[in-house]
PDB file of N, CA and C in Angstrom:
ATOM      1  N   UNK A   1     107.507  84.132  80.330  1.00  0.00           N
ATOM      2  CA  UNK A   1     107.282  84.814  81.590  1.00  0.00           C
ATOM      3  C   UNK A   1     105.811  84.620  81.946  1.00  0.00           C
ATOM      4  N   UNK A   2     105.587  83.649  82.751  1.00  0.00           N
ATOM      5  CA  UNK A   2     104.183  83.307  83.174  1.00  0.00           C
ATOM      6  C   UNK A   2     103.787  84.071  84.483  1.00  0.00           C
ATOM      7  N   UNK A   3     102.523  84.346  84.565  1.00  0.00           N
ATOM      8  CA  UNK A   3     102.049  84.991  85.728  1.00  0.00           C
ATOM      9  C   UNK A   3     101.649  83.948  86.730  1.00  0.00           C
ATOM     10  N   UNK A   4     102.084  84.163  87.949  1.00  0.00           N
ATOM     11  CA  UNK A   4     101.724  83.250  89.085  1.00  0.00           C
ATOM     12  C   UNK A   4     100.618  84.012  89.855  1.00  0.00           C
ATOM     13  N   UNK A   5      99.370  83.478  89.626  1.00  0.00           N
ATOM     14  CA  UNK A   5      98.237  84.169  90.167  1.00  0.00           C
ATOM     15  C   UNK A   5      98.160  84.149  91.751  1.00  0.00           C
ATOM     16  N   UNK A   6      98.665  83.003  92.299  1.00  0.00           N
ATOM     17  CA  UNK A   6      98.588  82.916  93.773  1.00  0.00           C
ATOM     18  C   UNK A   6      99.477  83.982  94.399  1.00  0.00           C
ATOM     19  N   UNK A   7     100.712  84.108  93.934  1.00  0.00           N
ATOM     20  CA  UNK A   7     101.549  85.175  94.508  1.00  0.00           C
ATOM     21  C   UNK A   7     101.114  86.572  94.213  1.00  0.00           C
ATOM     22  N   UNK A   8     100.527  86.805  93.074  1.00  0.00           N
ATOM     23  CA  UNK A   8     100.003  88.127  92.656  1.00  0.00           C
ATOM     24  C   UNK A   8      98.871  88.488  93.562  1.00  0.00           C
ATOM     25  N   UNK A   9      97.931  87.526  93.795  1.00  0.00           N
ATOM     26  CA  UNK A   9      96.788  87.869  94.642  1.00  0.00           C
ATOM     27  C   UNK A   9      97.199  88.090  96.083  1.00  0.00           C
ATOM     28  N   UNK A  10      98.143  87.307  96.498  1.00  0.00           N
ATOM     29  CA  UNK A  10      98.628  87.491  97.949  1.00  0.00           C
ATOM     30  C   UNK A  10      99.417  88.846  98.042  1.00  0.00           C
ATOM     31  N   UNK A  11     100.098  89.227  97.077  1.00  0.00           N
ATOM     32  CA  UNK A  11     100.849  90.537  97.160  1.00  0.00           C
ATOM     33  C   UNK A  11      99.850  91.731  97.102  1.00  0.00           C
ATOM     34  N   UNK A  12      98.824  91.615  96.246  1.00  0.00           N
ATOM     35  CA  UNK A  12      97.850  92.676  96.163  1.00  0.00           C
ATOM     36  C   UNK A  12      96.983  92.708  97.449  1.00  0.00           C
ATOM     37  N   UNK A  13      96.784  91.485  98.069  1.00  0.00           N
ATOM     38  CA  UNK A  13      96.013  91.523  99.326  1.00  0.00           C
ATOM     39  C   UNK A  13      96.859  92.191 100.516  1.00  0.00           C
ATOM     40  N   UNK A  14      98.210  91.987 100.442  1.00  0.00           N
ATOM     41  CA  UNK A  14      98.997  92.644 101.401  1.00  0.00           C
ATOM     42  C   UNK A  14      98.938  94.196 101.237  1.00  0.00           C
ATOM     43  N   UNK A  15      98.997  94.611  99.959  1.00  0.00           N
ATOM     44  CA  UNK A  15      98.934  96.109  99.714  1.00  0.00           C
ATOM     45  C   UNK A  15      97.532  96.574 100.141  1.00  0.00           C
ATOM     46  N   UNK A  16      96.487  95.859  99.818  1.00  0.00           N
ATOM     47  CA  UNK A  16      95.129  96.291 100.230  1.00  0.00           C
ATOM     48  C   UNK A  16      94.942  96.395 101.709  1.00  0.00           C
ATOM     49  N   UNK A  17      95.521  95.416 102.482  1.00  0.00           N
ATOM     50  CA  UNK A  17      95.433  95.498 103.929  1.00  0.00           C
ATOM     51  C   UNK A  17      96.253  96.739 104.485  1.00  0.00           C
ATOM     52  N   UNK A  18      97.350  96.848 103.859  1.00  0.00           N
ATOM     53  CA  UNK A  18      98.193  98.046 104.228  1.00  0.00           C
ATOM     54  C   UNK A  18      97.504  99.338 104.045  1.00  0.00           C
ATOM     55  N   UNK A  19      96.895  99.518 102.905  1.00  0.00           N
ATOM     56  CA  UNK A  19      96.203 100.759 102.597  1.00  0.00           C
ATOM     57  C   UNK A  19      94.990 100.960 103.521  1.00  0.00           C
ATOM     58  N   UNK A  20      94.254  99.853 103.703  1.00  0.00           N
ATOM     59  CA  UNK A  20      93.002  99.895 104.449  1.00  0.00           C
ATOM     60  C   UNK A  20      93.341 100.243 105.921  1.00  0.00           C
ATOM     61  N   UNK A  21      94.474  99.583 106.385  1.00  0.00           N
ATOM     62  CA  UNK A  21      94.830  99.838 107.850  1.00  0.00           C
ATOM     63  C   UNK A  21      95.324 101.323 108.050  1.00  0.00           C
ATOM     64  N   UNK A  22      96.163 101.717 107.135  1.00  0.00           N
ATOM     65  CA  UNK A  22      96.790 103.072 107.365  1.00  0.00           C
ATOM     66  C   UNK A  22      95.851 104.221 107.027  1.00  0.00           C
ATOM     67  N   UNK A  23      95.154 104.075 105.986  1.00  0.00           N
ATOM     68  CA  UNK A  23      94.243 105.161 105.414  1.00  0.00           C
ATOM     69  C   UNK A  23      92.927 105.198 106.169  1.00  0.00           C
ATOM     70  N   UNK A  24      92.177 104.045 106.107  1.00  0.00           N
ATOM     71  CA  UNK A  24      90.890 103.961 106.691  1.00  0.00           C
ATOM     72  C   UNK A  24      90.830 103.850 108.200  1.00  0.00           C
ATOM     73  N   UNK A  25      91.490 102.855 108.744  1.00  0.00           N
ATOM     74  CA  UNK A  25      91.404 102.627 110.172  1.00  0.00           C
ATOM     75  C   UNK A  25      92.462 103.425 111.042  1.00  0.00           C
ATOM     76  N   UNK A  26      93.560 103.749 110.461  1.00  0.00           N
ATOM     77  CA  UNK A  26      94.576 104.440 111.168  1.00  0.00           C
ATOM     78  C   UNK A  26      95.421 103.655 112.174  1.00  0.00           C
ATOM     79  N   UNK A  27      95.344 102.326 111.970  1.00  0.00           N
ATOM     80  CA  UNK A  27      96.128 101.436 112.797  1.00  0.00           C
ATOM     81  C   UNK A  27      96.029 100.029 112.269  1.00  0.00           C
ATOM     82  N   UNK A  28      96.686  99.079 113.031  1.00  0.00           N
ATOM     83  CA  UNK A  28      96.663  97.648 112.640  1.00  0.00           C
ATOM     84  C   UNK A  28      95.958  96.867 113.693  1.00  0.00           C
ATOM     85  N   UNK A  29      95.294  95.795 113.231  1.00  0.00           N
ATOM     86  CA  UNK A  29      94.590  94.854 114.164  1.00  0.00           C
ATOM     87  C   UNK A  29      95.577  94.049 114.962  1.00  0.00           C
ATOM     88  N   UNK A  30      95.452  93.969 116.291  1.00  0.00           N
ATOM     89  CA  UNK A  30      96.361  93.272 117.092  1.00  0.00           C
ATOM     90  C   UNK A  30      95.496  92.280 117.942  1.00  0.00           C
ATOM     91  N   UNK A  31      95.734  91.022 117.694  1.00  0.00           N
ATOM     92  CA  UNK A  31      94.956  89.995 118.465  1.00  0.00           C
ATOM     93  C   UNK A  31      95.713  89.574 119.733  1.00  0.00           C
ATOM     94  N   UNK A  32      94.938  89.276 120.818  1.00  0.00           N
ATOM     95  CA  UNK A  32      95.547  88.913 122.052  1.00  0.00           C
ATOM     96  C   UNK A  32      96.037  87.376 121.880  1.00  0.00           C
ATOM     97  N   UNK A  33      96.996  87.019 122.639  1.00  0.00           N
ATOM     98  CA  UNK A  33      97.494  85.590 122.685  1.00  0.00           C
ATOM     99  C   UNK A  33      96.421  84.639 123.109  1.00  0.00           C
ATOM    100  N   UNK A  34      95.594  85.045 123.954  1.00  0.00           N
ATOM    101  CA  UNK A  34      94.504  84.191 124.473  1.00  0.00           C
ATOM    102  C   UNK A  34      93.323  84.000 123.589  1.00  0.00           C
ATOM    103  N   UNK A  35      93.381  84.816 122.438  1.00  0.00           N
ATOM    104  CA  UNK A  35      92.338  84.706 121.430  1.00  0.00           C
ATOM    105  C   UNK A  35      90.974  85.150 121.937  1.00  0.00           C
ATOM    106  N   UNK A  36      91.012  86.102 122.901  1.00  0.00           N
ATOM    107  CA  UNK A  36      89.746  86.576 123.577  1.00  0.00           C
ATOM    108  C   UNK A  36      89.475  88.019 123.039  1.00  0.00           C
ATOM    109  N   UNK A  37      89.672  88.227 121.814  1.00  0.00           N
ATOM    110  CA  UNK A  37      89.471  89.589 121.315  1.00  0.00           C
ATOM    111  C   UNK A  37      90.748  90.362 120.964  1.00  0.00           C
ATOM    112  N   UNK A  38      90.576  91.368 120.183  1.00  0.00           N
ATOM    113  CA  UNK A  38      91.744  92.202 119.810  1.00  0.00           C
ATOM    114  C   UNK A  38      91.246  93.618 119.652  1.00  0.00           C
ATOM    115  N   UNK A  39      92.171  94.439 119.180  1.00  0.00           N
ATOM    116  CA  UNK A  39      91.709  95.847 118.923  1.00  0.00           C
ATOM    117  C   UNK A  39      92.640  96.438 117.896  1.00  0.00           C
ATOM    118  N   UNK A  40      92.181  97.560 117.322  1.00  0.00           N
ATOM    119  CA  UNK A  40      93.015  98.322 116.479  1.00  0.00           C
ATOM    120  C   UNK A  40      94.033  99.157 117.252  1.00  0.00           C
ATOM    121  N   UNK A  41      95.282  99.000 116.901  1.00  0.00           N
ATOM    122  CA  UNK A  41      96.378  99.769 117.552  1.00  0.00           C
ATOM    123  C   UNK A  41      96.875 100.903 116.599  1.00  0.00           C
ATOM    124  N   UNK A  42      96.760 102.111 117.026  1.00  0.00           N
ATOM    125  CA  UNK A  42      97.153 103.203 116.225  1.00  0.00           C
ATOM    126  C   UNK A  42      98.604 103.545 116.399  1.00  0.00           C
ATOM    127  N   UNK A  43      99.128 104.495 115.587  1.00  0.00           N
ATOM    128  CA  UNK A  43     100.470 104.860 115.596  1.00  0.00           C
ATOM    129  C   UNK A  43     100.922 105.538 116.947  1.00  0.00           C
ATOM    130  N   UNK A  44      99.985 106.165 117.523  1.00  0.00           N
ATOM    131  CA  UNK A  44     100.279 106.923 118.852  1.00  0.00           C
ATOM    132  C   UNK A  44     100.289 105.870 119.900  1.00  0.00           C
ATOM    133  N   UNK A  45      99.540 104.848 119.875  1.00  0.00           N
ATOM    134  CA  UNK A  45      99.484 103.816 120.948  1.00  0.00           C
ATOM    135  C   UNK A  45     100.628 102.810 120.943  1.00  0.00           C
ATOM    136  N   UNK A  46     101.080 102.464 119.699  1.00  0.00           N
ATOM    137  CA  UNK A  46     102.269 101.558 119.496  1.00  0.00           C
ATOM    138  C   UNK A  46     103.058 101.911 118.355  1.00  0.00           C
ATOM    139  N   UNK A  47     103.935 102.883 118.499  1.00  0.00           N
ATOM    140  CA  UNK A  47     104.706 103.289 117.323  1.00  0.00           C
ATOM    141  C   UNK A  47     105.641 102.295 116.735  1.00  0.00           C
ATOM    142  N   UNK A  48     106.245 101.467 117.530  1.00  0.00           N
ATOM    143  CA  UNK A  48     107.192 100.411 116.954  1.00  0.00           C
ATOM    144  C   UNK A  48     106.337  99.297 116.357  1.00  0.00           C
ATOM    145  N   UNK A  49     105.235  98.911 116.915  1.00  0.00           N
ATOM    146  CA  UNK A  49     104.317  97.972 116.283  1.00  0.00           C
ATOM    147  C   UNK A  49     103.853  98.405 114.910  1.00  0.00           C
ATOM    148  N   UNK A  50     103.484  99.713 114.900  1.00  0.00           N
ATOM    149  CA  UNK A  50     102.940 100.277 113.677  1.00  0.00           C
ATOM    150  C   UNK A  50     103.958 100.266 112.585  1.00  0.00           C
ATOM    151  N   UNK A  51     105.179 100.772 112.939  1.00  0.00           N
ATOM    152  CA  UNK A  51     106.262 100.808 111.917  1.00  0.00           C
ATOM    153  C   UNK A  51     106.656  99.439 111.416  1.00  0.00           C
ATOM    154  N   UNK A  52     106.686  98.433 112.326  1.00  0.00           N
ATOM    155  CA  UNK A  52     107.007  97.102 111.876  1.00  0.00           C
ATOM    156  C   UNK A  52     105.925  96.469 110.974  1.00  0.00           C
ATOM    157  N   UNK A  53     104.657  96.823 111.238  1.00  0.00           N
ATOM    158  CA  UNK A  53     103.615  96.252 110.390  1.00  0.00           C
ATOM    159  C   UNK A  53     103.617  96.911 109.014  1.00  0.00           C
ATOM    160  N   UNK A  54     103.981  98.238 108.983  1.00  0.00           N
ATOM    161  CA  UNK A  54     104.107  98.869 107.692  1.00  0.00           C
ATOM    162  C   UNK A  54     105.243  98.284 106.852  1.00  0.00           C
ATOM    163  N   UNK A  55     106.375  98.084 107.520  1.00  0.00           N
ATOM    164  CA  UNK A  55     107.475  97.449 106.835  1.00  0.00           C
ATOM    165  C   UNK A  55     107.170  96.065 106.393  1.00  0.00           C
ATOM    166  N   UNK A  56     106.561  95.302 107.273  1.00  0.00           N
ATOM    167  CA  UNK A  56     106.176  93.896 106.935  1.00  0.00           C
ATOM    168  C   UNK A  56     105.320  93.780 105.692  1.00  0.00           C
ATOM    169  N   UNK A  57     104.142  94.464 105.811  1.00  0.00           N
ATOM    170  CA  UNK A  57     103.216  94.345 104.735  1.00  0.00           C
ATOM    171  C   UNK A  57     103.647  95.060 103.445  1.00  0.00           C
ATOM    172  N   UNK A  58     104.451  96.094 103.645  1.00  0.00           N
ATOM    173  CA  UNK A  58     104.947  96.746 102.436  1.00  0.00           C
ATOM    174  C   UNK A  58     106.021  95.892 101.711  1.00  0.00           C
ATOM    175  N   UNK A  59     106.860  95.196 102.450  1.00  0.00           N
ATOM    176  CA  UNK A  59     107.877  94.301 101.861  1.00  0.00           C
ATOM    177  C   UNK A  59     107.262  93.094 101.300  1.00  0.00           C
ATOM    178  N   UNK A  60     106.266  92.438 102.040  1.00  0.00           N
ATOM    179  CA  UNK A  60     105.565  91.318 101.506  1.00  0.00           C
ATOM    180  C   UNK A  60     104.800  91.668 100.171  1.00  0.00           C
ATOM    181  N   UNK A  61     104.164  92.853 100.157  1.00  0.00           N
ATOM    182  CA  UNK A  61     103.406  93.157  99.033  1.00  0.00           C
ATOM    183  C   UNK A  61     104.313  93.448  97.799  1.00  0.00           C
ATOM    184  N   UNK A  62     105.486  94.024  98.000  1.00  0.00           N
ATOM    185  CA  UNK A  62     106.327  94.222  96.909  1.00  0.00           C
ATOM    186  C   UNK A  62     106.925  92.927  96.377  1.00  0.00           C
ATOM    187  N   UNK A  63     107.394  92.095  97.316  1.00  0.00           N
ATOM    188  CA  UNK A  63     108.079  90.843  96.880  1.00  0.00           C
ATOM    189  C   UNK A  63     106.993  89.866  96.195  1.00  0.00           C
ATOM    190  N   UNK A  64     105.856  89.741  96.799  1.00  0.00           N
ATOM    191  CA  UNK A  64     104.845  88.802  96.220  1.00  0.00           C
ATOM    192  C   UNK A  64     104.291  89.239  94.971  1.00  0.00           C
ATOM    193  N   UNK A  65     104.082  90.621  94.797  1.00  0.00           N
ATOM    194  CA  UNK A  65     103.607  91.135  93.521  1.00  0.00           C
ATOM    195  C   UNK A  65     104.685  90.946  92.441  1.00  0.00           C
ATOM    196  N   UNK A  66     105.905  91.241  92.664  1.00  0.00           N
ATOM    197  CA  UNK A  66     106.959  91.103  91.710  1.00  0.00           C
ATOM    198  C   UNK A  66     107.190  89.602  91.339  1.00  0.00           C
ATOM    199  N   UNK A  67     107.026  88.703  92.339  1.00  0.00           N
ATOM    200  CA  UNK A  67     107.129  87.309  92.105  1.00  0.00           C
ATOM    201  C   UNK A  67     105.870  86.811  91.234  1.00  0.00           C
ATOM    202  N   UNK A  68     104.760  87.408  91.463  1.00  0.00           N
ATOM    203  CA  UNK A  68     103.559  87.091  90.752  1.00  0.00           C
ATOM    204  C   UNK A  68     103.561  87.469  89.251  1.00  0.00           C
ATOM    205  N   UNK A  69     104.208  88.603  88.924  1.00  0.00           N
ATOM    206  CA  UNK A  69     104.327  89.005  87.574  1.00  0.00           C
ATOM    207  C   UNK A  69     105.539  88.507  86.870  1.00  0.00           C
ATOM    208  N   UNK A  70     106.369  87.692  87.595  1.00  0.00           N
ATOM    209  CA  UNK A  70     107.492  86.986  87.031  1.00  0.00           C
ATOM    210  C   UNK A  70     108.783  87.777  86.981  1.00  0.00           C
ATOM    211  N   UNK A  71     108.885  88.890  87.707  1.00  0.00           N
ATOM    212  CA  UNK A  71     110.173  89.686  87.774  1.00  0.00           C
ATOM    213  C   UNK A  71     111.216  88.897  88.575  1.00  0.00           C
ATOM    214  N   UNK A  72     110.714  88.408  89.758  1.00  0.00           N
ATOM    215  CA  UNK A  72     111.654  87.722  90.723  1.00  0.00           C
ATOM    216  C   UNK A  72     111.682  86.267  90.446  1.00  0.00           C
TER     217      UNK A  72
END
């Protein structure tokens, strides 16, 4: 059972961004399509976007971390 460091680091980075966004900033970074700046979107401003980002980064974090330690 070998450890895959690339997947483990990516999974931990997903968890770190999730915790930073939810706890510290209170929202997720949303970039404009024109690449002329973005902003932090809170749960009150975009509830569907917020929930989708929590699900996305939570699932990616779990899958990549488990793959990194050799469970998957």
